[in-house]
Amino acid sequence: MARKSAKDSAEQPGKQSSGLTHIDASGAARMVDVSGKSATSRTAVAEGRVVMSKATLELIVSGNAKKGDVLGVARVAGIMAAKRTADLIPLCHPLALSKVTLDITPDQKLPGCIVRATVKVTGPTGVEMEALTAVSIACLTLYDMLKAVERGMTIEAVRLLEKTGGASGDWRRP
């Protein structure tokens, strides 16, 4: 049986030597070919945190932040970011998202805010990147709106919590 060359593998959708779906057998970056995949219902949930002082958190909770509705602005920014993920991450497919929810919960124990995004689509590829982008931009927006009172805030633990649908099946962070 003849061995396939790197070029042969690179021309076949889904075939690569590195195991990375966005790298072909020759090492070049490529957009994954999803044309042969069927559209299925897919969901992804991501989360991140903005850690701040108790005094800064109190500005959010009391509604006395100088820039107004800090949580509302961050929520809208995260939703907008999910819809623009393909414009921000070069090899992501543009998707017609079915739903994006972004919840920001003040947490006195942290102290700070927990940001959680849920993104849904019916399509040939998943929405993990859209959920992670929504969380990242919402966290950055919180930082931007609060930096006048505290520059030492940290954005941390941005991560995928779960995904459902697609050929690889469901996954949930242990």
C-alpha atoms as a PDB file:
ATOM      1  CA  MET A   1       0.000   0.000   0.000  1.00  0.00           C
ATOM      2  CA  ALA A   2       1.403   3.383  -1.023  1.00  0.00           C
ATOM      3  CA  ARG A   3       1.958   6.021   1.627  1.00  0.00           C
ATOM      4  CA  LYS A   4       0.093   9.284   1.215  1.00  0.00           C
ATOM      5  CA  SER A   5       2.161  12.387   0.836  1.00  0.00           C
ATOM      6  CA  ALA A   6       1.735  15.469   3.033  1.00  0.00           C
ATOM      7  CA  LYS A   7       0.112  17.155   0.043  1.00  0.00           C
ATOM      8  CA  ASP A   8      -2.471  14.352  -0.289  1.00  0.00           C
ATOM      9  CA  SER A   9      -3.359  14.601   3.404  1.00  0.00           C
ATOM     10  CA  ALA A  10      -3.575  18.393   3.240  1.00  0.00           C
ATOM     11  CA  GLU A  11      -6.090  18.216   0.432  1.00  0.00           C
ATOM     12  CA  GLN A  12      -8.449  15.962   2.367  1.00  0.00           C
ATOM     13  CA  PRO A  13     -10.744  17.847   4.745  1.00  0.00           C
ATOM     14  CA  GLY A  14     -10.094  16.906   8.348  1.00  0.00           C
ATOM     15  CA  LYS A  15      -6.753  15.219   7.606  1.00  0.00           C
ATOM     16  CA  GLN A  16      -3.657  16.680   9.225  1.00  0.00           C
ATOM     17  CA  SER A  17      -0.509  15.277  10.732  1.00  0.00           C
ATOM     18  CA  SER A  18      -0.346  17.456  13.857  1.00  0.00           C
ATOM     19  CA  GLY A  19      -3.797  16.658  15.235  1.00  0.00           C
ATOM     20  CA  LEU A  20      -4.583  20.396  15.114  1.00  0.00           C
ATOM     21  CA  THR A  21      -7.613  21.067  12.943  1.00  0.00           C
ATOM     22  CA  HIS A  22      -6.430  24.505  11.779  1.00  0.00           C
ATOM     23  CA  ILE A  23      -2.996  23.284  10.620  1.00  0.00           C
ATOM     24  CA  ASP A  24      -2.546  21.205   7.485  1.00  0.00           C
ATOM     25  CA  ALA A  25       0.024  18.448   7.004  1.00  0.00           C
ATOM     26  CA  SER A  26       2.611  20.931   5.737  1.00  0.00           C
ATOM     27  CA  GLY A  27       2.171  23.151   8.807  1.00  0.00           C
ATOM     28  CA  ALA A  28       0.214  25.917   7.101  1.00  0.00           C
ATOM     29  CA  ALA A  29      -2.763  27.550   8.768  1.00  0.00           C
ATOM     30  CA  ARG A  30      -6.107  26.764   7.169  1.00  0.00           C
ATOM     31  CA  MET A  31      -9.804  27.215   7.750  1.00  0.00           C
ATOM     32  CA  VAL A  32     -11.442  23.876   8.532  1.00  0.00           C
ATOM     33  CA  ASP A  33     -13.706  22.587   5.761  1.00  0.00           C
ATOM     34  CA  VAL A  34     -17.144  22.085   7.328  1.00  0.00           C
ATOM     35  CA  SER A  35     -19.008  21.776   4.023  1.00  0.00           C
ATOM     36  CA  GLY A  36     -19.603  18.053   4.538  1.00  0.00           C
ATOM     37  CA  LYS A  37     -20.930  18.394   8.069  1.00  0.00           C
ATOM     38  CA  SER A  38     -24.630  18.431   8.777  1.00  0.00           C
ATOM     39  CA  ALA A  39     -26.208  21.287  10.685  1.00  0.00           C
ATOM     40  CA  THR A  40     -26.981  20.244  14.250  1.00  0.00           C
ATOM     41  CA  SER A  41     -27.978  22.082  17.406  1.00  0.00           C
ATOM     42  CA  ARG A  42     -24.879  23.184  19.299  1.00  0.00           C
ATOM     43  CA  THR A  43     -24.409  25.073  22.554  1.00  0.00           C
ATOM     44  CA  ALA A  44     -21.368  26.345  24.437  1.00  0.00           C
ATOM     45  CA  VAL A  45     -21.079  27.868  27.908  1.00  0.00           C
ATOM     46  CA  ALA A  46     -18.002  29.835  28.994  1.00  0.00           C
ATOM     47  CA  GLU A  47     -17.115  31.728  32.142  1.00  0.00           C
ATOM     48  CA  GLY A  48     -14.590  34.263  33.405  1.00  0.00           C
ATOM     49  CA  ARG A  49     -14.052  36.544  36.381  1.00  0.00           C
ATOM     50  CA  VAL A  50     -13.046  40.102  37.075  1.00  0.00           C
ATOM     51  CA  VAL A  51     -11.510  40.353  40.530  1.00  0.00           C
ATOM     52  CA  MET A  52     -11.583  43.778  42.181  1.00  0.00           C
ATOM     53  CA  SER A  53     -11.627  45.438  45.575  1.00  0.00           C
ATOM     54  CA  LYS A  54     -14.759  45.352  47.699  1.00  0.00           C
ATOM     55  CA  ALA A  55     -15.050  49.138  47.301  1.00  0.00           C
ATOM     56  CA  THR A  56     -15.112  48.886  43.496  1.00  0.00           C
ATOM     57  CA  LEU A  57     -17.626  46.052  43.625  1.00  0.00           C
ATOM     58  CA  GLU A  58     -19.819  48.186  45.863  1.00  0.00           C
ATOM     59  CA  LEU A  59     -19.904  50.882  43.153  1.00  0.00           C
ATOM     60  CA  ILE A  60     -21.411  48.316  40.764  1.00  0.00           C
ATOM     61  CA  VAL A  61     -23.852  46.839  43.262  1.00  0.00           C
ATOM     62  CA  SER A  62     -25.057  50.243  44.502  1.00  0.00           C
ATOM     63  CA  GLY A  63     -25.380  51.637  40.969  1.00  0.00           C
ATOM     64  CA  ASN A  64     -23.099  54.585  41.818  1.00  0.00           C
ATOM     65  CA  ALA A  65     -20.442  53.946  39.181  1.00  0.00           C
ATOM     66  CA  LYS A  66     -19.510  57.150  37.341  1.00  0.00           C
ATOM     67  CA  LYS A  67     -20.116  55.613  33.916  1.00  0.00           C
ATOM     68  CA  GLY A  68     -23.654  54.403  34.685  1.00  0.00           C
ATOM     69  CA  ASP A  69     -24.957  50.892  34.082  1.00  0.00           C
ATOM     70  CA  VAL A  70     -21.641  49.064  34.129  1.00  0.00           C
ATOM     71  CA  LEU A  71     -23.164  45.570  34.023  1.00  0.00           C
ATOM     72  CA  GLY A  72     -25.605  46.453  31.234  1.00  0.00           C
ATOM     73  CA  VAL A  73     -22.883  47.895  29.021  1.00  0.00           C
ATOM     74  CA  ALA A  74     -20.623  44.877  29.613  1.00  0.00           C
ATOM     75  CA  ARG A  75     -23.520  42.510  28.858  1.00  0.00           C
ATOM     76  CA  VAL A  76     -24.250  44.203  25.518  1.00  0.00           C
ATOM     77  CA  ALA A  77     -20.528  44.300  24.646  1.00  0.00           C
ATOM     78  CA  GLY A  78     -20.252  40.543  25.254  1.00  0.00           C
ATOM     79  CA  ILE A  79     -23.283  39.787  23.106  1.00  0.00           C
ATOM     80  CA  MET A  80     -21.971  41.998  20.299  1.00  0.00           C
ATOM     81  CA  ALA A  81     -18.561  40.314  20.531  1.00  0.00           C
ATOM     82  CA  ALA A  82     -20.065  36.833  20.184  1.00  0.00           C
ATOM     83  CA  LYS A  83     -21.709  37.957  16.946  1.00  0.00           C
ATOM     84  CA  ARG A  84     -18.381  39.321  15.628  1.00  0.00           C
ATOM     85  CA  THR A  85     -16.100  36.419  16.598  1.00  0.00           C
ATOM     86  CA  ALA A  86     -15.258  35.526  12.988  1.00  0.00           C
ATOM     87  CA  ASP A  87     -14.083  39.122  12.460  1.00  0.00           C
ATOM     88  CA  LEU A  88     -11.741  38.876  15.452  1.00  0.00           C
ATOM     89  CA  ILE A  89     -10.346  35.328  15.210  1.00  0.00           C
ATOM     90  CA  PRO A  90      -8.987  34.710  11.710  1.00  0.00           C
ATOM     91  CA  LEU A  91      -9.934  31.056  11.132  1.00  0.00           C
ATOM     92  CA  CYS A  92     -13.379  31.041  12.793  1.00  0.00           C
ATOM     93  CA  HIS A  93     -16.387  30.492  10.589  1.00  0.00           C
ATOM     94  CA  PRO A  94     -19.018  33.239  10.533  1.00  0.00           C
ATOM     95  CA  LEU A  95     -22.140  31.805  12.166  1.00  0.00           C
ATOM     96  CA  ALA A  96     -25.778  32.867  12.329  1.00  0.00           C
ATOM     97  CA  LEU A  97     -26.141  32.585  16.100  1.00  0.00           C
ATOM     98  CA  SER A  98     -29.546  31.531  17.420  1.00  0.00           C
ATOM     99  CA  LYS A  99     -29.094  32.853  20.943  1.00  0.00           C
ATOM    100  CA  VAL A 100     -26.529  34.611  23.114  1.00  0.00           C
ATOM    101  CA  THR A 101     -27.096  35.168  26.808  1.00  0.00           C
ATOM    102  CA  LEU A 102     -24.592  36.869  29.028  1.00  0.00           C
ATOM    103  CA  ASP A 103     -25.015  36.908  32.793  1.00  0.00           C
ATOM    104  CA  ILE A 104     -22.826  38.991  35.078  1.00  0.00           C
ATOM    105  CA  THR A 105     -23.113  38.180  38.765  1.00  0.00           C
ATOM    106  CA  PRO A 106     -21.496  40.323  41.448  1.00  0.00           C
ATOM    107  CA  ASP A 107     -19.805  38.056  44.003  1.00  0.00           C
ATOM    108  CA  GLN A 108     -18.891  39.495  47.404  1.00  0.00           C
ATOM    109  CA  LYS A 109     -16.667  36.491  48.257  1.00  0.00           C
ATOM    110  CA  LEU A 110     -14.458  36.964  45.179  1.00  0.00           C
ATOM    111  CA  PRO A 111     -14.774  40.045  45.384  1.00  0.00           C
ATOM    112  CA  GLY A 112     -15.694  40.827  41.809  1.00  0.00           C
ATOM    113  CA  CYS A 113     -17.972  39.688  39.023  1.00  0.00           C
ATOM    114  CA  ILE A 114     -18.519  36.283  37.455  1.00  0.00           C
ATOM    115  CA  VAL A 115     -19.301  36.520  33.753  1.00  0.00           C
ATOM    116  CA  ARG A 116     -21.048  33.606  32.025  1.00  0.00           C
ATOM    117  CA  ALA A 117     -22.040  33.344  28.369  1.00  0.00           C
ATOM    118  CA  THR A 118     -24.271  30.760  26.714  1.00  0.00           C
ATOM    119  CA  VAL A 119     -24.267  30.664  22.924  1.00  0.00           C
ATOM    120  CA  LYS A 120     -26.479  28.527  20.670  1.00  0.00           C
ATOM    121  CA  VAL A 121     -26.495  27.804  16.957  1.00  0.00           C
ATOM    122  CA  THR A 122     -27.834  25.262  14.510  1.00  0.00           C
ATOM    123  CA  GLY A 123     -24.962  24.783  12.139  1.00  0.00           C
ATOM    124  CA  PRO A 124     -22.045  22.651  10.946  1.00  0.00           C
ATOM    125  CA  THR A 125     -19.547  23.848  13.561  1.00  0.00           C
ATOM    126  CA  GLY A 126     -19.501  24.644  17.265  1.00  0.00           C
ATOM    127  CA  VAL A 127     -19.795  27.920  19.160  1.00  0.00           C
ATOM    128  CA  GLU A 128     -17.067  27.529  21.781  1.00  0.00           C
ATOM    129  CA  MET A 129     -15.084  30.459  20.400  1.00  0.00           C
ATOM    130  CA  GLU A 130     -18.168  32.675  20.381  1.00  0.00           C
ATOM    131  CA  ALA A 131     -18.869  31.918  24.046  1.00  0.00           C
ATOM    132  CA  LEU A 132     -15.240  32.517  25.026  1.00  0.00           C
ATOM    133  CA  THR A 133     -15.129  35.750  23.029  1.00  0.00           C
ATOM    134  CA  ALA A 134     -18.339  36.997  24.670  1.00  0.00           C
ATOM    135  CA  VAL A 135     -16.895  36.376  28.143  1.00  0.00           C
ATOM    136  CA  SER A 136     -13.520  37.922  27.296  1.00  0.00           C
ATOM    137  CA  ILE A 137     -14.980  41.123  25.882  1.00  0.00           C
ATOM    138  CA  ALA A 138     -17.519  41.483  28.706  1.00  0.00           C
ATOM    139  CA  CYS A 139     -14.661  41.164  31.223  1.00  0.00           C
ATOM    140  CA  LEU A 140     -12.565  43.704  29.319  1.00  0.00           C
ATOM    141  CA  THR A 141     -15.535  46.075  29.219  1.00  0.00           C
ATOM    142  CA  LEU A 142     -15.971  45.792  32.984  1.00  0.00           C
ATOM    143  CA  TYR A 143     -12.290  46.613  33.370  1.00  0.00           C
ATOM    144  CA  ASP A 144     -12.563  49.578  31.011  1.00  0.00           C
ATOM    145  CA  MET A 145     -15.574  51.031  32.794  1.00  0.00           C
ATOM    146  CA  LEU A 146     -14.049  50.627  36.258  1.00  0.00           C
ATOM    147  CA  LYS A 147     -10.373  51.404  35.631  1.00  0.00           C
ATOM    148  CA  ALA A 148     -10.841  55.035  36.696  1.00  0.00           C
ATOM    149  CA  VAL A 149     -11.319  53.832  40.274  1.00  0.00           C
ATOM    150  CA  GLU A 150      -9.147  50.688  40.225  1.00  0.00           C
ATOM    151  CA  ARG A 151      -6.419  49.769  37.766  1.00  0.00           C
ATOM    152  CA  GLY A 152      -5.308  46.686  39.721  1.00  0.00           C
ATOM    153  CA  MET A 153      -8.311  44.515  38.791  1.00  0.00           C
ATOM    154  CA  THR A 154      -7.533  41.138  37.259  1.00  0.00           C
ATOM    155  CA  ILE A 155      -9.330  39.166  34.595  1.00  0.00           C
ATOM    156  CA  GLU A 156      -8.952  35.473  35.243  1.00  0.00           C
ATOM    157  CA  ALA A 157     -10.196  31.953  34.692  1.00  0.00           C
ATOM    158  CA  VAL A 158     -11.694  32.530  31.242  1.00  0.00           C
ATOM    159  CA  ARG A 159     -12.600  29.006  30.232  1.00  0.00           C
ATOM    160  CA  LEU A 160     -15.073  26.763  28.477  1.00  0.00           C
ATOM    161  CA  LEU A 161     -17.468  25.095  30.925  1.00  0.00           C
ATOM    162  CA  GLU A 162     -19.397  22.902  28.512  1.00  0.00           C
ATOM    163  CA  LYS A 163     -20.346  22.253  24.921  1.00  0.00           C
ATOM    164  CA  THR A 164     -23.081  20.147  23.408  1.00  0.00           C
ATOM    165  CA  GLY A 165     -23.734  18.850  19.910  1.00  0.00           C
ATOM    166  CA  GLY A 166     -21.583  18.044  16.932  1.00  0.00           C
ATOM    167  CA  ALA A 167     -19.653  14.946  15.944  1.00  0.00           C
ATOM    168  CA  SER A 168     -17.384  15.093  19.002  1.00  0.00           C
ATOM    169  CA  GLY A 169     -20.422  14.956  21.305  1.00  0.00           C
ATOM    170  CA  ASP A 170     -20.972  16.647  24.619  1.00  0.00           C
ATOM    171  CA  TRP A 171     -18.199  17.839  26.919  1.00  0.00           C
ATOM    172  CA  ARG A 172     -18.400  19.274  30.424  1.00  0.00           C
ATOM    173  CA  ARG A 173     -15.543  20.641  32.547  1.00  0.00           C
ATOM    174  CA  PRO A 174     -14.987  18.207  35.440  1.00  0.00           C
END
